[in-house]
Protein backbone atom coordinates (compact mmCIF):
# COMPACT_ATOMS: atom_id res chain seq x y z
CA MET A 1 76.77 -162.51 87.29
CA ASP A 2 78.71 -165.44 85.97
CA GLU A 3 75.48 -167.35 85.13
CA VAL A 4 74.13 -164.32 83.23
CA LEU A 5 77.34 -163.94 81.25
CA THR A 6 77.32 -167.69 80.44
CA ALA A 7 73.75 -167.55 79.28
CA VAL A 8 74.55 -164.61 77.01
CA ALA A 9 77.54 -166.34 75.60
CA GLU A 10 75.61 -169.59 74.85
CA GLY A 11 72.67 -167.66 73.42
CA GLN A 12 74.92 -165.66 71.04
CA THR A 13 77.06 -168.57 69.85
CA THR A 14 76.11 -169.61 66.36
CA PRO A 15 76.54 -173.37 65.59
CA VAL A 16 78.65 -174.22 62.45
CA ALA A 17 76.47 -174.98 59.49
CA GLN A 18 76.77 -178.53 58.14
CA ALA A 19 77.92 -178.92 54.60
CA PRO A 20 75.46 -180.81 52.37
CA GLU A 21 76.31 -184.43 51.56
CA PRO A 22 77.91 -184.76 48.11
CA GLN A 23 75.82 -186.43 45.48
CA ASP A 24 76.69 -189.82 44.27
CA SER A 25 78.45 -189.43 40.80
CA THR A 26 77.37 -192.99 39.88
CA ASN A 27 73.67 -192.17 39.64
CA GLU A 28 72.46 -191.94 36.16
CA ILE A 29 70.42 -188.91 35.09
CA PRO A 30 67.75 -189.59 32.55
CA GLY A 31 67.60 -187.53 29.37
CA ASP A 32 69.55 -186.89 26.27
CA ASP A 33 73.12 -185.66 26.01
CA LYS A 34 72.00 -182.11 25.90
CA ASP A 35 70.17 -182.57 29.18
CA LEU A 36 73.26 -184.09 30.69
CA GLU A 37 75.31 -181.06 29.65
CA ASN A 38 72.71 -178.72 31.10
CA THR A 39 72.66 -180.73 34.28
CA SER A 40 76.47 -180.73 34.57
CA GLU A 41 76.45 -176.95 34.20
CA ILE A 42 73.84 -176.52 36.88
CA GLU A 43 75.65 -178.88 39.22
CA GLY A 44 78.94 -177.08 38.58
CA ASP A 45 77.38 -173.71 39.29
CA GLY A 46 75.99 -175.18 42.56
CA LEU A 47 79.43 -176.38 43.68
CA GLU A 48 80.99 -173.03 42.92
CA SER A 49 78.27 -171.31 44.98
CA GLU A 50 79.00 -173.61 47.88
CA GLY A 51 82.65 -172.96 47.55
CA ASP A 52 82.21 -169.22 47.72
CA GLU A 53 80.50 -169.39 51.16
CA GLN A 54 82.70 -168.29 54.07
CA PRO A 55 82.89 -170.78 57.00
CA GLU A 56 81.62 -169.62 60.25
CA PRO A 57 84.53 -168.45 62.59
CA GLU A 58 85.45 -170.67 65.47
CA GLU A 59 84.49 -169.79 68.98
CA THR A 60 87.04 -167.76 71.00
CA GLU A 61 87.81 -168.11 74.63
CA VAL A 62 87.77 -165.25 77.18
CA GLU A 63 88.46 -165.34 80.87
CA PHE A 64 86.25 -163.59 83.48
CA ASN A 65 86.56 -163.82 87.28
CA GLY A 66 88.87 -166.81 86.97
CA LYS A 67 86.47 -168.72 84.62
CA THR A 68 86.91 -169.33 80.95
CA TYR A 69 84.01 -168.91 78.50
CA LYS A 70 83.61 -169.75 74.81
CA ILE A 71 81.87 -167.04 72.79
CA HIS A 72 81.48 -165.81 69.26
CA PRO A 73 84.50 -163.70 68.09
CA ASP A 74 82.14 -160.78 67.33
CA LEU A 75 81.18 -160.66 71.05
CA ARG A 76 84.80 -160.67 72.36
CA ASP A 77 85.28 -156.85 72.45
CA GLY A 78 81.98 -156.28 73.99
CA PHE A 79 82.54 -158.99 76.66
CA LEU A 80 85.99 -157.67 77.44
CA MET A 81 84.61 -154.12 77.83
CA ARG A 82 81.88 -155.46 80.09
CA ALA A 83 84.46 -157.30 82.14
CA ASP A 84 86.66 -154.26 82.41
CA TYR A 85 83.74 -152.12 83.40
CA THR A 86 82.84 -154.71 86.07
CA LYS A 87 86.37 -154.75 87.38
CA LYS A 88 86.56 -150.96 87.48
CA SER A 89 83.17 -150.81 89.24
CA MET A 90 84.41 -153.23 91.85
CA GLU A 91 87.61 -151.17 92.39
CA VAL A 92 85.53 -147.99 92.77
CA ALA A 93 83.30 -149.88 95.22
CA ASP A 94 86.31 -150.94 97.27
CA ILE A 95 87.72 -147.41 97.37
CA ARG A 96 84.38 -146.02 98.37
CA LYS A 97 84.12 -148.75 101.05
CA GLU A 98 87.65 -147.93 102.45
CA ALA A 99 86.87 -144.19 102.38
CA GLU A 100 83.64 -144.77 104.36
CA ALA A 101 85.49 -146.96 106.81
CA LYS A 102 88.14 -144.29 107.36
CA ARG A 103 85.49 -141.66 107.78
CA GLU A 104 83.62 -143.80 110.25
CA GLU A 105 86.90 -144.38 112.09
CA ALA A 106 87.57 -140.66 112.22
CA ALA A 107 84.06 -140.02 113.46
CA GLN A 108 84.50 -142.70 116.22
CA ALA A 109 87.82 -141.23 117.20
CA TYR A 110 86.27 -137.78 117.41
CA GLN A 111 83.41 -139.19 119.53
CA THR A 112 85.79 -140.89 121.83
CA SER A 113 87.94 -137.79 122.23
CA GLN A 114 84.86 -135.73 123.05
CA GLU A 115 83.81 -138.39 125.61
CA VAL A 116 87.24 -138.39 127.13
CA LEU A 117 87.18 -134.53 127.47
CA GLU A 118 83.70 -134.76 129.08
CA ALA A 119 84.94 -137.50 131.50
CA ARG A 120 87.91 -135.43 132.48
CA SER A 121 85.61 -132.49 133.07
CA VAL A 122 83.43 -134.53 135.26
CA ILE A 123 86.39 -135.75 137.33
CA ILE A 124 87.53 -132.16 137.84
CA ASN A 125 84.00 -131.24 139.00
CA ILE A 126 83.79 -134.22 141.36
CA ASP A 127 87.27 -133.54 142.76
CA GLY A 128 86.17 -129.98 143.48
CA GLN A 129 83.17 -131.25 145.49
CA LEU A 130 85.24 -133.86 147.32
CA GLN A 131 87.69 -131.27 148.29
CA GLN A 132 84.97 -129.60 150.50
CA TYR A 133 84.98 -132.77 152.71
CA GLU A 134 88.76 -133.06 153.20
CA ASN A 135 88.78 -131.29 156.53
CA VAL A 136 85.45 -132.43 157.86
CA ASN A 137 85.44 -134.03 161.31
CA TRP A 138 82.72 -136.55 160.82
CA ASP A 139 82.58 -137.51 164.48
CA GLN A 140 82.06 -133.95 165.58
CA LEU A 141 79.54 -133.27 162.81
CA GLU A 142 77.56 -136.36 163.82
CA GLN A 143 77.37 -135.20 167.37
CA GLU A 144 76.38 -131.74 166.37
CA ASP A 145 74.00 -132.52 163.50
CA PRO A 146 73.26 -136.30 163.16
CA LEU A 147 70.84 -136.01 160.28
CA GLY A 148 73.09 -133.49 158.39
CA ALA A 149 76.15 -135.75 159.00
CA GLN A 150 74.40 -138.69 157.48
CA SER A 151 73.29 -136.69 154.45
CA HIS A 152 76.75 -135.28 153.89
CA TRP A 153 78.30 -138.78 154.39
CA ARG A 154 75.96 -140.34 151.76
CA ARG A 155 76.86 -137.54 149.37
CA PHE A 156 80.61 -137.94 150.08
CA GLN A 157 80.34 -141.70 149.36
CA THR A 158 78.33 -141.17 146.15
CA LEU A 159 80.90 -138.68 144.81
CA ARG A 160 83.72 -141.09 145.50
CA GLU A 161 81.89 -143.88 143.75
CA GLN A 162 81.12 -141.76 140.74
CA ARG A 163 84.74 -140.61 140.48
CA GLY A 164 85.92 -144.18 140.59
CA GLN A 165 83.57 -145.17 137.71
CA VAL A 166 84.67 -142.20 135.58
CA ALA A 167 88.34 -142.87 136.36
CA GLN A 168 87.98 -146.45 135.32
CA TYR A 169 86.36 -145.41 132.11
CA LEU A 170 89.13 -143.01 131.37
CA ASP A 171 91.84 -145.60 132.06
CA LYS A 172 90.14 -148.21 129.75
CA THR A 173 89.58 -145.60 126.91
CA GLN A 174 93.10 -144.21 127.12
CA HIS A 175 94.55 -147.79 127.09
CA GLU A 176 92.47 -148.59 124.00
CA LEU A 177 93.63 -145.47 122.32
CA SER A 178 97.24 -146.22 123.12
CA GLU A 179 96.93 -149.75 121.75
CA LYS A 180 95.32 -148.36 118.56
CA VAL A 181 97.99 -145.78 118.13
CA ALA A 182 100.67 -148.46 118.61
CA GLN A 183 99.02 -150.73 115.99
CA GLU A 184 98.81 -147.87 113.41
CA THR A 185 102.40 -146.90 114.10
CA ASP A 186 103.58 -150.48 113.54
CA LYS A 187 101.56 -150.62 110.29
CA ARG A 188 103.11 -147.38 109.02
CA LEU A 189 106.61 -148.61 109.87
CA ARG A 190 106.02 -151.91 108.10
CA GLU A 191 104.73 -149.93 105.00
CA THR A 192 107.67 -147.56 105.17
CA ARG A 193 110.18 -150.37 105.35
CA ALA A 194 108.66 -152.19 102.43
CA PHE A 195 108.67 -149.01 100.44
CA ALA A 196 112.44 -148.40 101.28
CA GLU A 197 113.43 -151.98 100.33
CA LYS A 198 111.55 -151.68 96.95
CA GLU A 199 112.00 -148.10 95.90
CA LEU A 200 115.14 -146.67 97.43
CA LYS A 201 118.33 -147.62 95.63
CA GLY A 202 120.98 -149.17 97.84
CA TRP A 203 118.83 -149.32 100.95
CA THR A 204 119.98 -151.61 103.66
CA PRO A 205 119.32 -151.95 107.41
CA GLU A 206 122.73 -150.35 108.03
CA LEU A 207 121.70 -147.35 105.83
CA ASP A 208 118.52 -147.09 107.86
CA ASN A 209 120.58 -146.77 110.99
CA LYS A 210 122.67 -144.03 109.43
CA ILE A 211 119.50 -142.18 108.30
CA THR A 212 118.12 -142.38 111.86
CA GLU A 213 121.37 -141.10 113.24
CA PHE A 214 121.41 -138.25 110.68
CA ALA A 215 117.76 -137.27 111.52
CA THR A 216 118.45 -137.27 115.32
CA LYS A 217 121.99 -135.71 115.48
CA ASP A 218 121.88 -133.34 112.50
CA LEU A 219 118.20 -132.45 112.18
CA GLY A 220 117.22 -132.63 115.79
CA PHE A 221 114.42 -135.28 115.71
CA THR A 222 113.78 -137.58 118.55
CA VAL A 223 113.34 -141.26 118.06
CA ASP A 224 109.73 -141.09 119.29
CA ALA A 225 109.04 -138.20 116.94
CA LEU A 226 110.47 -140.22 114.05
CA ARG A 227 108.37 -143.27 114.90
CA SER A 228 105.20 -141.25 115.05
CA SER A 229 105.80 -139.33 111.81
CA TYR A 230 107.36 -142.03 109.62
CA SER A 231 105.64 -142.65 106.28
CA PRO A 232 107.04 -143.54 102.87
CA GLN A 233 107.03 -139.88 101.81
CA VAL A 234 108.73 -138.65 104.99
CA TYR A 235 111.27 -141.43 104.88
CA LYS A 236 112.18 -140.68 101.20
CA THR A 237 112.73 -137.06 102.13
CA LEU A 238 115.09 -138.02 104.94
CA TYR A 239 116.84 -140.50 102.55
CA LEU A 240 117.50 -137.73 99.94
CA ALA A 241 118.55 -135.33 102.68
CA HIS A 242 121.04 -137.87 103.98
CA LEU A 243 122.56 -138.36 100.44
CA GLY A 244 122.85 -134.61 100.03
CA HIS A 245 124.52 -134.31 103.41
CA LEU A 246 127.09 -136.99 102.52
CA ALA A 247 127.76 -135.29 99.11
CA LEU A 248 128.54 -131.96 100.90
CA GLN A 249 130.85 -133.74 103.44
CA LYS A 250 132.70 -135.45 100.65
CA GLN A 251 133.00 -132.17 98.78
CA ALA A 252 134.34 -130.36 101.82
CA ALA A 253 136.82 -133.17 102.51
CA ALA A 254 138.21 -133.32 99.05
CA PRO A 255 141.79 -131.87 98.79
CA LYS A 256 141.83 -128.54 96.89
CA PRO A 257 144.34 -128.20 94.03
CA ALA A 258 147.50 -126.35 95.01
CA THR A 259 147.74 -122.84 93.59
CA PRO A 260 151.06 -122.22 91.81
CA ALA A 261 153.28 -119.46 93.29
CA ALA A 262 153.29 -116.22 91.40
CA GLN A 263 156.42 -115.75 89.36
CA PRO A 264 157.93 -112.32 89.02
CA LEU A 265 157.72 -110.87 85.51
CA SER A 266 161.01 -110.57 83.68
CA LYS A 267 162.09 -107.00 83.01
CA VAL A 268 162.99 -106.08 79.54
CA SER A 269 165.47 -103.29 79.27
CA ALA A 270 164.35 -100.85 76.70
CA ARG A 271 167.82 -99.32 76.54
CA ALA A 272 169.79 -102.53 76.01
CA ASN A 273 172.13 -102.41 73.06
CA PRO A 274 171.11 -98.99 71.65
CA PRO A 275 172.26 -98.04 68.09
CA LEU A 276 175.64 -96.40 67.62
CA ALA A 277 174.15 -93.51 65.66
CA GLY A 278 170.78 -91.83 65.19
CA LEU A 279 167.83 -91.50 67.63
CA ASP A 280 166.28 -94.46 69.32
CA ASP A 281 163.88 -95.09 72.23
CA ARG A 282 166.43 -97.34 73.81
CA LEU A 283 168.78 -94.35 74.39
CA THR A 284 169.03 -92.65 77.73
CA SER A 285 167.41 -89.27 77.98
CA ASP A 286 170.84 -87.58 78.14
CA GLU A 287 172.13 -89.48 75.11
CA TRP A 288 169.02 -88.95 73.10
CA LEU A 289 169.08 -85.16 73.86
CA LYS A 290 172.77 -84.98 72.96
CA ARG A 291 172.21 -86.70 69.58
CA ARG A 292 169.18 -84.53 68.82
CA ASN A 293 171.10 -81.33 69.45
CA ALA A 294 173.88 -82.59 67.29
CA GLN A 295 171.38 -83.18 64.38
CA VAL A 296 169.88 -79.70 64.81
CA GLN A 297 173.35 -78.05 64.75
CA LYS A 298 174.36 -80.08 61.70
CA ARG A 299 171.25 -79.01 59.81
CA GLY A 300 171.84 -75.40 60.74
């Protein structure tokens, strides 16, 4: 790929044109004065034409795959687009490769789990057959039926050997699965810690201990459950839940403002200082009725 791009760049690079050598002004031109004037005009026009020509642009440098190439400026955009397309194609290829690897890994895990289930089924079947020989008196059987005793003995030994082979396979497979799970768990824990250190504000190992304590005591998680389920997303959820829990505790512990005691309303006497004459609402009912009767009698 690098050689092809280099060849394209070199093939498209246009060399800078060489300017013509200036004429020697000391050379004499034959002819009369009129010819000299005409010649001067022609030479002047030629110089003006050469002056109007635009110089070729200089080569520009671009970087691709860690190497620098010199190309014509007109090719820069196309070159960069090609480089960007190549980079994105490589990224897509890496993503596809990773997805295929995960799919293959899942298929292998499924195949392994199926084989483990089959192996356990075989062991259960063999154990059922071996159970038939638990109470066999081999000496008595040999005396009563020598040929049958030999046949059953061979079968008994074969079953024991088969069970040992299957059990050995199961032990090996389960050990490999346990090692793989442990490696995946350690990887997730490292990724989670790196995420916490970079993305979570104020994160420290002490805060991590508090989050773990909060998850186990207040949320009911076990340490093993946390280890098996930790991921950046799960840890961030626990982190935010812990902050909310602290905020509620702080709010509950904050002293509440004292409520002022209710003050009795002052009573305003409506009958204080009533007028000496005439009717008024501040008069007692008897006094008001007495003055009213007096007014009626006076008018009558």
